[in-house]
C-alpha atoms as a PDB file:
ATOM      1  CA  UNK A   1     140.433 128.192  76.266  1.00  0.00           C
ATOM      2  CA  UNK A   2     137.715 128.441  73.602  1.00  0.00           C
ATOM      3  CA  UNK A   3     134.360 127.383  75.043  1.00  0.00           C
ATOM      4  CA  UNK A   4     131.214 126.584  73.074  1.00  0.00           C
ATOM      5  CA  UNK A   5     128.142 127.730  75.032  1.00  0.00           C
ATOM      6  CA  UNK A   6     124.677 126.241  74.430  1.00  0.00           C
ATOM      7  CA  UNK A   7     121.437 127.636  75.874  1.00  0.00           C
ATOM      8  CA  UNK A   8     118.095 125.826  75.352  1.00  0.00           C
ATOM      9  CA  UNK A   9     116.262 126.246  78.667  1.00  0.00           C
ATOM     10  CA  UNK A  10     113.023 127.654  77.242  1.00  0.00           C
ATOM     11  CA  UNK A  11     112.043 129.278  73.948  1.00  0.00           C
ATOM     12  CA  UNK A  12     115.328 130.733  72.697  1.00  0.00           C
ATOM     13  CA  UNK A  13     118.150 128.782  71.100  1.00  0.00           C
ATOM     14  CA  UNK A  14     121.437 130.462  71.992  1.00  0.00           C
ATOM     15  CA  UNK A  15     124.968 129.555  70.914  1.00  0.00           C
ATOM     16  CA  UNK A  16     128.258 131.351  71.586  1.00  0.00           C
ATOM     17  CA  UNK A  17     132.016 130.931  71.419  1.00  0.00           C
ATOM     18  CA  UNK A  18     133.947 132.476  74.304  1.00  0.00           C
ATOM     19  CA  UNK A  19     137.730 132.759  74.504  1.00  0.00           C
ATOM     20  CA  UNK A  20     139.134 132.980  78.027  1.00  0.00           C
ATOM     21  CA  UNK A  21     141.946 135.209  76.725  1.00  0.00           C
ATOM     22  CA  UNK A  22     140.151 137.550  74.329  1.00  0.00           C
ATOM     23  CA  UNK A  23     136.489 137.357  75.371  1.00  0.00           C
ATOM     24  CA  UNK A  24     133.392 136.714  73.253  1.00  0.00           C
ATOM     25  CA  UNK A  25     134.253 135.583  69.724  1.00  0.00           C
ATOM     26  CA  UNK A  26     130.735 135.120  68.303  1.00  0.00           C
ATOM     27  CA  UNK A  27     127.165 134.457  69.350  1.00  0.00           C
ATOM     28  CA  UNK A  28     123.919 133.554  67.610  1.00  0.00           C
ATOM     29  CA  UNK A  29     120.346 133.510  68.870  1.00  0.00           C
ATOM     30  CA  UNK A  30     117.045 132.266  67.483  1.00  0.00           C
ATOM     31  CA  UNK A  31     113.848 133.299  69.262  1.00  0.00           C
ATOM     32  CA  UNK A  32     110.744 131.121  69.029  1.00  0.00           C
ATOM     33  CA  UNK A  33     108.358 133.981  69.844  1.00  0.00           C
ATOM     34  CA  UNK A  34     106.465 133.707  66.548  1.00  0.00           C
ATOM     35  CA  UNK A  35     106.023 129.944  66.987  1.00  0.00           C
ATOM     36  CA  UNK A  36     104.369 130.331  70.388  1.00  0.00           C
ATOM     37  CA  UNK A  37     102.444 133.562  69.765  1.00  0.00           C
ATOM     38  CA  UNK A  38      99.315 131.855  68.448  1.00  0.00           C
ATOM     39  CA  UNK A  39      99.084 129.813  71.671  1.00  0.00           C
ATOM     40  CA  UNK A  40      99.548 132.800  73.979  1.00  0.00           C
ATOM     41  CA  UNK A  41     102.537 131.230  75.718  1.00  0.00           C
ATOM     42  CA  UNK A  42     105.360 128.723  75.426  1.00  0.00           C
ATOM     43  CA  UNK A  43     104.364 125.190  74.386  1.00  0.00           C
ATOM     44  CA  UNK A  44     107.118 122.899  75.778  1.00  0.00           C
ATOM     45  CA  UNK A  45     106.939 120.240  73.042  1.00  0.00           C
ATOM     46  CA  UNK A  46     107.105 122.844  70.268  1.00  0.00           C
ATOM     47  CA  UNK A  47     110.045 124.511  72.028  1.00  0.00           C
ATOM     48  CA  UNK A  48     111.967 121.230  72.285  1.00  0.00           C
ATOM     49  CA  UNK A  49     111.395 120.274  68.658  1.00  0.00           C
ATOM     50  CA  UNK A  50     112.513 123.666  67.391  1.00  0.00           C
ATOM     51  CA  UNK A  51     115.719 123.510  69.441  1.00  0.00           C
ATOM     52  CA  UNK A  52     116.459 120.214  67.645  1.00  0.00           C
ATOM     53  CA  UNK A  53     116.005 121.922  64.266  1.00  0.00           C
ATOM     54  CA  UNK A  54     117.950 125.102  65.019  1.00  0.00           C
ATOM     55  CA  UNK A  55     120.812 124.143  67.330  1.00  0.00           C
ATOM     56  CA  UNK A  56     123.337 122.537  64.961  1.00  0.00           C
ATOM     57  CA  UNK A  57     122.867 125.148  62.180  1.00  0.00           C
ATOM     58  CA  UNK A  58     123.411 127.912  64.766  1.00  0.00           C
ATOM     59  CA  UNK A  59     126.599 126.232  65.999  1.00  0.00           C
ATOM     60  CA  UNK A  60     127.901 126.103  62.427  1.00  0.00           C
ATOM     61  CA  UNK A  61     126.988 129.762  61.869  1.00  0.00           C
ATOM     62  CA  UNK A  62     128.746 130.731  65.079  1.00  0.00           C
ATOM     63  CA  UNK A  63     131.919 128.873  64.115  1.00  0.00           C
ATOM     64  CA  UNK A  64     131.871 130.515  60.697  1.00  0.00           C
ATOM     65  CA  UNK A  65     131.429 134.006  62.213  1.00  0.00           C
ATOM     66  CA  UNK A  66     134.376 133.425  64.537  1.00  0.00           C
ATOM     67  CA  UNK A  67     136.539 131.969  61.758  1.00  0.00           C
ATOM     68  CA  UNK A  68     136.934 128.719  63.680  1.00  0.00           C
ATOM     69  CA  UNK A  69     136.598 125.001  62.990  1.00  0.00           C
ATOM     70  CA  UNK A  70     134.882 122.462  65.225  1.00  0.00           C
ATOM     71  CA  UNK A  71     138.271 121.117  66.230  1.00  0.00           C
ATOM     72  CA  UNK A  72     139.129 124.568  67.670  1.00  0.00           C
ATOM     73  CA  UNK A  73     136.505 124.065  70.392  1.00  0.00           C
ATOM     74  CA  UNK A  74     138.386 123.239  73.609  1.00  0.00           C
ATOM     75  CA  UNK A  75     135.398 122.753  75.944  1.00  0.00           C
ATOM     76  CA  UNK A  76     131.599 122.780  75.893  1.00  0.00           C
ATOM     77  CA  UNK A  77     129.228 124.479  78.345  1.00  0.00           C
ATOM     78  CA  UNK A  78     125.503 123.795  78.219  1.00  0.00           C
ATOM     79  CA  UNK A  79     122.496 124.851  80.288  1.00  0.00           C
ATOM     80  CA  UNK A  80     121.359 121.897  82.411  1.00  0.00           C
ATOM     81  CA  UNK A  81     118.684 123.712  84.417  1.00  0.00           C
ATOM     82  CA  UNK A  82     116.452 125.107  85.621  1.00  0.00           C
ATOM     83  CA  UNK A  83     113.984 125.232  82.744  1.00  0.00           C
ATOM     84  CA  UNK A  84     111.741 123.100  80.530  1.00  0.00           C
ATOM     85  CA  UNK A  85     113.085 119.579  80.881  1.00  0.00           C
ATOM     86  CA  UNK A  86     112.593 118.581  77.221  1.00  0.00           C
ATOM     87  CA  UNK A  87     114.259 121.748  75.957  1.00  0.00           C
ATOM     88  CA  UNK A  88     117.140 121.335  78.408  1.00  0.00           C
ATOM     89  CA  UNK A  89     117.727 117.759  77.272  1.00  0.00           C
ATOM     90  CA  UNK A  90     118.201 118.911  73.670  1.00  0.00           C
ATOM     91  CA  UNK A  91     121.055 121.217  74.666  1.00  0.00           C
ATOM     92  CA  UNK A  92     122.454 118.716  77.154  1.00  0.00           C
ATOM     93  CA  UNK A  93     122.531 115.836  74.643  1.00  0.00           C
ATOM     94  CA  UNK A  94     123.999 118.035  71.905  1.00  0.00           C
ATOM     95  CA  UNK A  95     126.629 119.561  74.161  1.00  0.00           C
ATOM     96  CA  UNK A  96     127.715 116.231  75.599  1.00  0.00           C
ATOM     97  CA  UNK A  97     127.818 114.617  72.134  1.00  0.00           C
ATOM     98  CA  UNK A  98     130.053 117.353  70.711  1.00  0.00           C
ATOM     99  CA  UNK A  99     132.356 117.137  73.730  1.00  0.00           C
ATOM    100  CA  UNK A 100     132.622 113.347  73.460  1.00  0.00           C
ATOM    101  CA  UNK A 101     133.190 113.423  69.704  1.00  0.00           C
ATOM    102  CA  UNK A 102     136.016 115.946  70.083  1.00  0.00           C
ATOM    103  CA  UNK A 103     137.427 114.438  73.266  1.00  0.00           C
ATOM    104  CA  UNK A 104     136.861 117.691  75.140  1.00  0.00           C
ATOM    105  CA  UNK A 105     135.622 118.431  78.681  1.00  0.00           C
ATOM    106  CA  UNK A 106     132.045 119.611  79.219  1.00  0.00           C
ATOM    107  CA  UNK A 107     130.330 121.480  82.040  1.00  0.00           C
ATOM    108  CA  UNK A 108     126.669 121.670  83.027  1.00  0.00           C
ATOM    109  CA  UNK A 109     125.764 125.312  83.698  1.00  0.00           C
ATOM    110  CA  UNK A 110     123.056 126.724  85.942  1.00  0.00           C
ATOM    111  CA  UNK A 111     120.848 129.044  83.882  1.00  0.00           C
ATOM    112  CA  UNK A 112     120.626 131.682  86.627  1.00  0.00           C
ATOM    113  CA  UNK A 113     124.380 131.694  87.208  1.00  0.00           C
ATOM    114  CA  UNK A 114     124.640 132.507  83.520  1.00  0.00           C
ATOM    115  CA  UNK A 115     122.311 135.493  83.945  1.00  0.00           C
ATOM    116  CA  UNK A 116     124.144 136.558  87.088  1.00  0.00           C
ATOM    117  CA  UNK A 117     127.487 136.666  85.259  1.00  0.00           C
ATOM    118  CA  UNK A 118     126.134 138.223  82.021  1.00  0.00           C
ATOM    119  CA  UNK A 119     127.210 141.780  83.017  1.00  0.00           C
ATOM    120  CA  UNK A 120     130.797 140.505  83.027  1.00  0.00           C
ATOM    121  CA  UNK A 121     130.607 140.355  79.244  1.00  0.00           C
ATOM    122  CA  UNK A 122     130.743 144.164  79.232  1.00  0.00           C
ATOM    123  CA  UNK A 123     133.828 146.383  78.952  1.00  0.00           C
ATOM    124  CA  UNK A 124     133.384 147.625  82.534  1.00  0.00           C
ATOM    125  CA  UNK A 125     132.392 144.449  84.394  1.00  0.00           C
ATOM    126  CA  UNK A 126     131.210 144.441  88.021  1.00  0.00           C
ATOM    127  CA  UNK A 127     133.702 143.445  90.689  1.00  0.00           C
ATOM    128  CA  UNK A 128     132.782 141.032  93.487  1.00  0.00           C
ATOM    129  CA  UNK A 129     131.378 141.233  96.085  1.00  0.00           C
ATOM    130  CA  UNK A 130     127.997 142.552  94.947  1.00  0.00           C
ATOM    131  CA  UNK A 131     124.249 142.039  95.256  1.00  0.00           C
ATOM    132  CA  UNK A 132     122.449 140.682  92.191  1.00  0.00           C
ATOM    133  CA  UNK A 133     118.806 141.164  91.284  1.00  0.00           C
ATOM    134  CA  UNK A 134     117.872 138.305  88.961  1.00  0.00           C
ATOM    135  CA  UNK A 135     114.551 139.169  87.416  1.00  0.00           C
ATOM    136  CA  UNK A 136     112.993 137.242  84.542  1.00  0.00           C
ATOM    137  CA  UNK A 137     109.889 135.404  83.400  1.00  0.00           C
ATOM    138  CA  UNK A 138     110.560 132.468  85.685  1.00  0.00           C
ATOM    139  CA  UNK A 139     112.630 133.915  88.520  1.00  0.00           C
ATOM    140  CA  UNK A 140     112.823 136.941  90.784  1.00  0.00           C
ATOM    141  CA  UNK A 141     115.498 136.791  93.463  1.00  0.00           C
ATOM    142  CA  UNK A 142     118.110 138.799  95.306  1.00  0.00           C
ATOM    143  CA  UNK A 143     121.481 137.118  95.669  1.00  0.00           C
ATOM    144  CA  UNK A 144     124.548 138.087  97.651  1.00  0.00           C
ATOM    145  CA  UNK A 145     127.597 137.261  95.547  1.00  0.00           C
ATOM    146  CA  UNK A 146     130.610 137.052  97.830  1.00  0.00           C
ATOM    147  CA  UNK A 147     132.718 135.685  95.000  1.00  0.00           C
ATOM    148  CA  UNK A 148     131.964 133.897  91.742  1.00  0.00           C
ATOM    149  CA  UNK A 149     130.518 130.518  92.668  1.00  0.00           C
ATOM    150  CA  UNK A 150     129.604 131.552  96.221  1.00  0.00           C
ATOM    151  CA  UNK A 151     125.962 132.648  96.362  1.00  0.00           C
ATOM    152  CA  UNK A 152     123.558 133.362  99.221  1.00  0.00           C
ATOM    153  CA  UNK A 153     119.868 133.772  98.400  1.00  0.00           C
ATOM    154  CA  UNK A 154     118.599 136.840 100.238  1.00  0.00           C
ATOM    155  CA  UNK A 155     115.015 136.657  99.026  1.00  0.00           C
ATOM    156  CA  UNK A 156     112.930 135.312  96.172  1.00  0.00           C
ATOM    157  CA  UNK A 157     109.384 135.336  94.904  1.00  0.00           C
ATOM    158  CA  UNK A 158     106.709 133.398  96.769  1.00  0.00           C
ATOM    159  CA  UNK A 159     104.500 133.103  93.673  1.00  0.00           C
ATOM    160  CA  UNK A 160     104.662 134.769  90.237  1.00  0.00           C
ATOM    161  CA  UNK A 161     108.013 136.109  89.076  1.00  0.00           C
ATOM    162  CA  UNK A 162     108.038 139.739  87.932  1.00  0.00           C
ATOM    163  CA  UNK A 163     108.329 138.800  84.253  1.00  0.00           C
ATOM    164  CA  UNK A 164     105.511 136.293  84.597  1.00  0.00           C
ATOM    165  CA  UNK A 165     103.333 138.982  86.205  1.00  0.00           C
ATOM    166  CA  UNK A 166     104.116 141.320  83.294  1.00  0.00           C
ATOM    167  CA  UNK A 167     103.119 138.663  80.752  1.00  0.00           C
ATOM    168  CA  UNK A 168      99.903 137.677  82.549  1.00  0.00           C
ATOM    169  CA  UNK A 169      98.855 141.293  83.046  1.00  0.00           C
ATOM    170  CA  UNK A 170      99.530 142.042  79.382  1.00  0.00           C
ATOM    171  CA  UNK A 171      97.347 139.097  78.391  1.00  0.00           C
ATOM    172  CA  UNK A 172      94.585 140.415  80.664  1.00  0.00           C
ATOM    173  CA  UNK A 173      94.804 143.801  78.936  1.00  0.00           C
ATOM    174  CA  UNK A 174      94.583 142.122  75.528  1.00  0.00           C
ATOM    175  CA  UNK A 175      98.168 142.862  74.493  1.00  0.00           C
ATOM    176  CA  UNK A 176      99.012 139.389  73.210  1.00  0.00           C
ATOM    177  CA  UNK A 177     102.288 137.470  73.488  1.00  0.00           C
ATOM    178  CA  UNK A 178     105.027 138.160  74.440  1.00  0.00           C
ATOM    179  CA  UNK A 179     103.292 140.479  76.845  1.00  0.00           C
ATOM    180  CA  UNK A 180     106.075 142.064  78.893  1.00  0.00           C
ATOM    181  CA  UNK A 181     107.620 144.232  76.151  1.00  0.00           C
ATOM    182  CA  UNK A 182     104.155 145.156  74.826  1.00  0.00           C
ATOM    183  CA  UNK A 183     103.000 146.287  78.264  1.00  0.00           C
ATOM    184  CA  UNK A 184     106.174 148.316  78.805  1.00  0.00           C
ATOM    185  CA  UNK A 185     105.702 150.029  75.445  1.00  0.00           C
ATOM    186  CA  UNK A 186     102.063 150.853  76.196  1.00  0.00           C
ATOM    187  CA  UNK A 187     103.010 152.144  79.660  1.00  0.00           C
ATOM    188  CA  UNK A 188     105.134 154.873  78.050  1.00  0.00           C
ATOM    189  CA  UNK A 189     101.874 156.542  76.935  1.00  0.00           C
ATOM    190  CA  UNK A 190      99.990 156.153  80.215  1.00  0.00           C
ATOM    191  CA  UNK A 191      99.502 158.138  83.424  1.00  0.00           C
ATOM    192  CA  UNK A 192     100.984 155.965  86.172  1.00  0.00           C
ATOM    193  CA  UNK A 193      99.399 158.095  88.913  1.00  0.00           C
ATOM    194  CA  UNK A 194      95.778 157.812  87.764  1.00  0.00           C
ATOM    195  CA  UNK A 195      95.037 154.586  89.665  1.00  0.00           C
ATOM    196  CA  UNK A 196      96.492 153.542  93.039  1.00  0.00           C
ATOM    197  CA  UNK A 197      98.551 150.336  92.992  1.00  0.00           C
ATOM    198  CA  UNK A 198     100.014 148.498  96.005  1.00  0.00           C
ATOM    199  CA  UNK A 199     103.726 147.817  96.476  1.00  0.00           C
ATOM    200  CA  UNK A 200     103.515 144.141  97.528  1.00  0.00           C
ATOM    201  CA  UNK A 201     105.278 143.040 100.724  1.00  0.00           C
ATOM    202  CA  UNK A 202     107.039 146.369 101.242  1.00  0.00           C
ATOM    203  CA  UNK A 203     105.031 147.136 104.401  1.00  0.00           C
ATOM    204  CA  UNK A 204     106.880 144.412 106.321  1.00  0.00           C
ATOM    205  CA  UNK A 205     110.543 143.487 106.795  1.00  0.00           C
ATOM    206  CA  UNK A 206     112.190 140.924 104.567  1.00  0.00           C
ATOM    207  CA  UNK A 207     113.400 140.526 100.998  1.00  0.00           C
ATOM    208  CA  UNK A 208     110.794 138.136  99.578  1.00  0.00           C
ATOM    209  CA  UNK A 209     108.616 139.119  96.620  1.00  0.00           C
ATOM    210  CA  UNK A 210     104.989 138.453  95.720  1.00  0.00           C
ATOM    211  CA  UNK A 211     103.303 139.700  92.566  1.00  0.00           C
ATOM    212  CA  UNK A 212     100.108 137.620  92.444  1.00  0.00           C
ATOM    213  CA  UNK A 213      98.174 140.152  94.536  1.00  0.00           C
ATOM    214  CA  UNK A 214      99.295 143.010  92.300  1.00  0.00           C
ATOM    215  CA  UNK A 215      98.126 141.019  89.288  1.00  0.00           C
ATOM    216  CA  UNK A 216      94.707 140.489  90.925  1.00  0.00           C
ATOM    217  CA  UNK A 217      94.461 144.199  91.794  1.00  0.00           C
ATOM    218  CA  UNK A 218      95.168 145.058  88.162  1.00  0.00           C
ATOM    219  CA  UNK A 219      92.579 142.547  86.956  1.00  0.00           C
ATOM    220  CA  UNK A 220      89.889 144.075  89.163  1.00  0.00           C
ATOM    221  CA  UNK A 221      90.739 147.587  87.974  1.00  0.00           C
ATOM    222  CA  UNK A 222      90.511 146.542  84.325  1.00  0.00           C
ATOM    223  CA  UNK A 223      87.288 144.556  84.652  1.00  0.00           C
ATOM    224  CA  UNK A 224      85.580 147.461  86.413  1.00  0.00           C
ATOM    225  CA  UNK A 225      86.818 150.103  83.981  1.00  0.00           C
ATOM    226  CA  UNK A 226      85.380 151.366  80.695  1.00  0.00           C
ATOM    227  CA  UNK A 227      88.296 149.599  78.904  1.00  0.00           C
ATOM    228  CA  UNK A 228      89.087 152.499  76.572  1.00  0.00           C
ATOM    229  CA  UNK A 229      92.659 152.901  75.206  1.00  0.00           C
ATOM    230  CA  UNK A 230      93.524 155.693  77.651  1.00  0.00           C
ATOM    231  CA  UNK A 231      92.499 153.581  80.637  1.00  0.00           C
ATOM    232  CA  UNK A 232      94.400 150.607  79.221  1.00  0.00           C
ATOM    233  CA  UNK A 233      97.597 152.688  78.975  1.00  0.00           C
ATOM    234  CA  UNK A 234      97.111 154.197  82.453  1.00  0.00           C
ATOM    235  CA  UNK A 235      96.647 150.786  84.053  1.00  0.00           C
ATOM    236  CA  UNK A 236      99.738 149.473  82.241  1.00  0.00           C
ATOM    237  CA  UNK A 237     101.764 152.448  83.477  1.00  0.00           C
ATOM    238  CA  UNK A 238     100.508 152.097  87.042  1.00  0.00           C
ATOM    239  CA  UNK A 239     101.245 148.374  87.090  1.00  0.00           C
ATOM    240  CA  UNK A 240     104.764 148.855  85.735  1.00  0.00           C
ATOM    241  CA  UNK A 241     105.504 151.617  88.237  1.00  0.00           C
ATOM    242  CA  UNK A 242     104.336 149.382  91.095  1.00  0.00           C
ATOM    243  CA  UNK A 243     106.642 146.547  89.997  1.00  0.00           C
ATOM    244  CA  UNK A 244     109.607 148.871  89.539  1.00  0.00           C
ATOM    245  CA  UNK A 245     108.995 150.575  92.892  1.00  0.00           C
ATOM    246  CA  UNK A 246     108.720 147.211  94.658  1.00  0.00           C
ATOM    247  CA  UNK A 247     111.934 145.900  93.115  1.00  0.00           C
ATOM    248  CA  UNK A 248     113.717 149.158  93.972  1.00  0.00           C
ATOM    249  CA  UNK A 249     112.611 149.057  97.609  1.00  0.00           C
ATOM    250  CA  UNK A 250     113.764 145.459  97.984  1.00  0.00           C
ATOM    251  CA  UNK A 251     117.109 146.225  96.326  1.00  0.00           C
ATOM    252  CA  UNK A 252     117.641 149.128  98.711  1.00  0.00           C
ATOM    253  CA  UNK A 253     116.991 146.843 101.674  1.00  0.00           C
ATOM    254  CA  UNK A 254     119.370 144.195 100.332  1.00  0.00           C
ATOM    255  CA  UNK A 255     122.128 146.726  99.783  1.00  0.00           C
ATOM    256  CA  UNK A 256     121.693 148.086 103.309  1.00  0.00           C
ATOM    257  CA  UNK A 257     121.597 144.599 104.813  1.00  0.00           C
ATOM    258  CA  UNK A 258     124.783 143.411 103.073  1.00  0.00           C
ATOM    259  CA  UNK A 259     126.514 146.810 103.036  1.00  0.00           C
ATOM    260  CA  UNK A 260     127.358 146.177  99.402  1.00  0.00           C
ATOM    261  CA  UNK A 261     128.321 149.040  97.109  1.00  0.00           C
ATOM    262  CA  UNK A 262     127.502 147.402  93.794  1.00  0.00           C
ATOM    263  CA  UNK A 263     124.209 146.122  92.409  1.00  0.00           C
ATOM    264  CA  UNK A 264     124.020 143.854  89.365  1.00  0.00           C
ATOM    265  CA  UNK A 265     120.707 143.500  87.524  1.00  0.00           C
ATOM    266  CA  UNK A 266     120.206 140.650  85.068  1.00  0.00           C
ATOM    267  CA  UNK A 267     117.473 138.599  83.419  1.00  0.00           C
ATOM    268  CA  UNK A 268     114.873 139.450  80.791  1.00  0.00           C
ATOM    269  CA  UNK A 269     113.100 142.124  82.869  1.00  0.00           C
ATOM    270  CA  UNK A 270     116.496 143.796  83.276  1.00  0.00           C
ATOM    271  CA  UNK A 271     115.941 145.188  79.773  1.00  0.00           C
ATOM    272  CA  UNK A 272     112.899 147.167  80.991  1.00  0.00           C
ATOM    273  CA  UNK A 273     113.740 150.860  80.593  1.00  0.00           C
ATOM    274  CA  UNK A 274     111.677 151.985  83.544  1.00  0.00           C
ATOM    275  CA  UNK A 275     113.437 149.512  85.837  1.00  0.00           C
ATOM    276  CA  UNK A 276     116.844 150.559  84.557  1.00  0.00           C
ATOM    277  CA  UNK A 277     116.099 154.234  85.080  1.00  0.00           C
ATOM    278  CA  UNK A 278     114.662 153.622  88.541  1.00  0.00           C
ATOM    279  CA  UNK A 279     117.608 151.586  89.797  1.00  0.00           C
ATOM    280  CA  UNK A 280     120.204 153.878  88.210  1.00  0.00           C
ATOM    281  CA  UNK A 281     118.524 156.829  89.922  1.00  0.00           C
ATOM    282  CA  UNK A 282     118.472 154.998  93.252  1.00  0.00           C
ATOM    283  CA  UNK A 283     122.109 154.017  92.826  1.00  0.00           C
ATOM    284  CA  UNK A 284     123.148 157.579  92.106  1.00  0.00           C
ATOM    285  CA  UNK A 285     121.252 158.809  95.166  1.00  0.00           C
ATOM    286  CA  UNK A 286     122.903 156.234  97.448  1.00  0.00           C
ATOM    287  CA  UNK A 287     126.360 156.048  95.811  1.00  0.00           C
ATOM    288  CA  UNK A 288     126.030 152.494  94.500  1.00  0.00           C
ATOM    289  CA  UNK A 289     127.382 151.302  91.213  1.00  0.00           C
ATOM    290  CA  UNK A 290     124.581 149.653  89.211  1.00  0.00           C
ATOM    291  CA  UNK A 291     125.535 147.279  86.385  1.00  0.00           C
ATOM    292  CA  UNK A 292     123.374 145.800  83.627  1.00  0.00           C
ATOM    293  CA  UNK A 293     124.259 143.570  80.682  1.00  0.00           C
ATOM    294  CA  UNK A 294     123.449 145.077  77.299  1.00  0.00           C
ATOM    295  CA  UNK A 295     119.852 144.342  76.284  1.00  0.00           C
ATOM    296  CA  UNK A 296     120.757 141.452  73.950  1.00  0.00           C
ATOM    297  CA  UNK A 297     122.314 139.652  76.931  1.00  0.00           C
ATOM    298  CA  UNK A 298     119.382 140.262  79.284  1.00  0.00           C
ATOM    299  CA  UNK A 299     117.282 137.625  77.561  1.00  0.00           C
ATOM    300  CA  UNK A 300     118.443 133.994  77.380  1.00  0.00           C
ATOM    301  CA  UNK A 301     121.619 133.646  75.318  1.00  0.00           C
ATOM    302  CA  UNK A 302     124.576 131.363  74.734  1.00  0.00           C
ATOM    303  CA  UNK A 303     127.204 133.973  75.610  1.00  0.00           C
ATOM    304  CA  UNK A 304     126.338 134.012  79.310  1.00  0.00           C
ATOM    305  CA  UNK A 305     126.436 130.183  79.399  1.00  0.00           C
ATOM    306  CA  UNK A 306     129.824 130.068  77.677  1.00  0.00           C
ATOM    307  CA  UNK A 307     131.201 132.638  80.130  1.00  0.00           C
ATOM    308  CA  UNK A 308     129.795 130.915  83.229  1.00  0.00           C
ATOM    309  CA  UNK A 309     131.013 127.542  82.005  1.00  0.00           C
ATOM    310  CA  UNK A 310     134.455 128.943  81.250  1.00  0.00           C
ATOM    311  CA  UNK A 311     134.818 130.191  84.831  1.00  0.00           C
ATOM    312  CA  UNK A 312     134.145 126.715  86.216  1.00  0.00           C
ATOM    313  CA  UNK A 313     136.239 124.905  83.616  1.00  0.00           C
ATOM    314  CA  UNK A 314     139.227 127.129  84.414  1.00  0.00           C
ATOM    315  CA  UNK A 315     138.740 126.224  88.073  1.00  0.00           C
ATOM    316  CA  UNK A 316     139.159 122.563  87.133  1.00  0.00           C
ATOM    317  CA  UNK A 317     135.514 121.531  87.193  1.00  0.00           C
ATOM    318  CA  UNK A 318     133.787 119.384  84.594  1.00  0.00           C
ATOM    319  CA  UNK A 319     130.669 117.232  84.446  1.00  0.00           C
ATOM    320  CA  UNK A 320     130.638 113.468  83.975  1.00  0.00           C
ATOM    321  CA  UNK A 321     129.146 111.815  80.901  1.00  0.00           C
ATOM    322  CA  UNK A 322     125.649 111.231  82.305  1.00  0.00           C
ATOM    323  CA  UNK A 323     122.873 113.104  80.501  1.00  0.00           C
ATOM    324  CA  UNK A 324     121.244 115.027  83.348  1.00  0.00           C
ATOM    325  CA  UNK A 325     118.975 118.058  83.236  1.00  0.00           C
ATOM    326  CA  UNK A 326     117.045 119.695  86.053  1.00  0.00           C
ATOM    327  CA  UNK A 327     113.666 121.411  85.836  1.00  0.00           C
ATOM    328  CA  UNK A 328     114.448 122.778  89.311  1.00  0.00           C
ATOM    329  CA  UNK A 329     117.962 123.488  90.538  1.00  0.00           C
ATOM    330  CA  UNK A 330     118.571 125.762  93.565  1.00  0.00           C
ATOM    331  CA  UNK A 331     121.283 128.311  92.807  1.00  0.00           C
ATOM    332  CA  UNK A 332     122.788 128.127  96.278  1.00  0.00           C
ATOM    333  CA  UNK A 333     123.476 124.396  95.850  1.00  0.00           C
ATOM    334  CA  UNK A 334     126.162 124.982  93.240  1.00  0.00           C
ATOM    335  CA  UNK A 335     129.662 123.898  94.280  1.00  0.00           C
ATOM    336  CA  UNK A 336     132.161 126.697  94.941  1.00  0.00           C
ATOM    337  CA  UNK A 337     134.719 127.216  92.219  1.00  0.00           C
ATOM    338  CA  UNK A 338     137.442 125.616  94.324  1.00  0.00           C
ATOM    339  CA  UNK A 339     135.571 122.286  94.395  1.00  0.00           C
ATOM    340  CA  UNK A 340     136.381 119.869  91.568  1.00  0.00           C
ATOM    341  CA  UNK A 341     133.617 117.394  90.631  1.00  0.00           C
END
């Protein structure tokens, strides 16, 4: 089955063609970072309008790269949530229209299930069961994956997601947008031990996260400092280390609680080198296997949506013709793969 995947949940337009027999055939991505940079963050209306402009040309480019025609598409998978509702509706309407025009089935895909399954695009994919750390600009959660389609939320953020905290802290330090990668780059030149930083919610049991207090601590340090470049880099390094240490501690607890032997890390923050090194080191120490998607599949992309959709389509699921998108959509409310809509 050749599945067209469409991702438009936020500020990246992603398209992919996935073959259930041979794997990923082609994928294309357009990032709107430059469009939103002057505003210091994503503007939903601008994001939606740019998806309208870019989506069909990207689909044509993807088909050309794969050496396929539109009629070769056997099913369509599109992100239906969670995300920016206007942006989601662009992908939903386009995906449903292509499916109806071709007389093909279509499936609405949960954005976070796409991230969760992204490591399965690799040559050495993780094997269920495993624990997944989904960490991005909008979400930070630990999920027990008993099998594909069967998810139990172990813990999630009570306020800011880790990626959101990175972006807001970068803005505070004057690093511009997008802030997360800029802060991580600056942190490479800083002394992470110069200033003390808390490890939020690690002094109590549980697997929930909270990064708003860490963000406030960082703000107070910066406002009371001399704000020279060395201090800026040291604060960035200390902040990053605190986030990585907190995520590592919570992952260790989740692995102990579930007795899992494999940890999957996905989402935009999964591309952070410090986080990768920290979790790989922890995994080696405790004999876990730790899996990441390649960096291009950490951020939003069509390949993960095509793959996730393909899994459900092969299980006999499809979505009816209503145009529905969801700004909020709990991951643990997804039907198991055995259930046909």
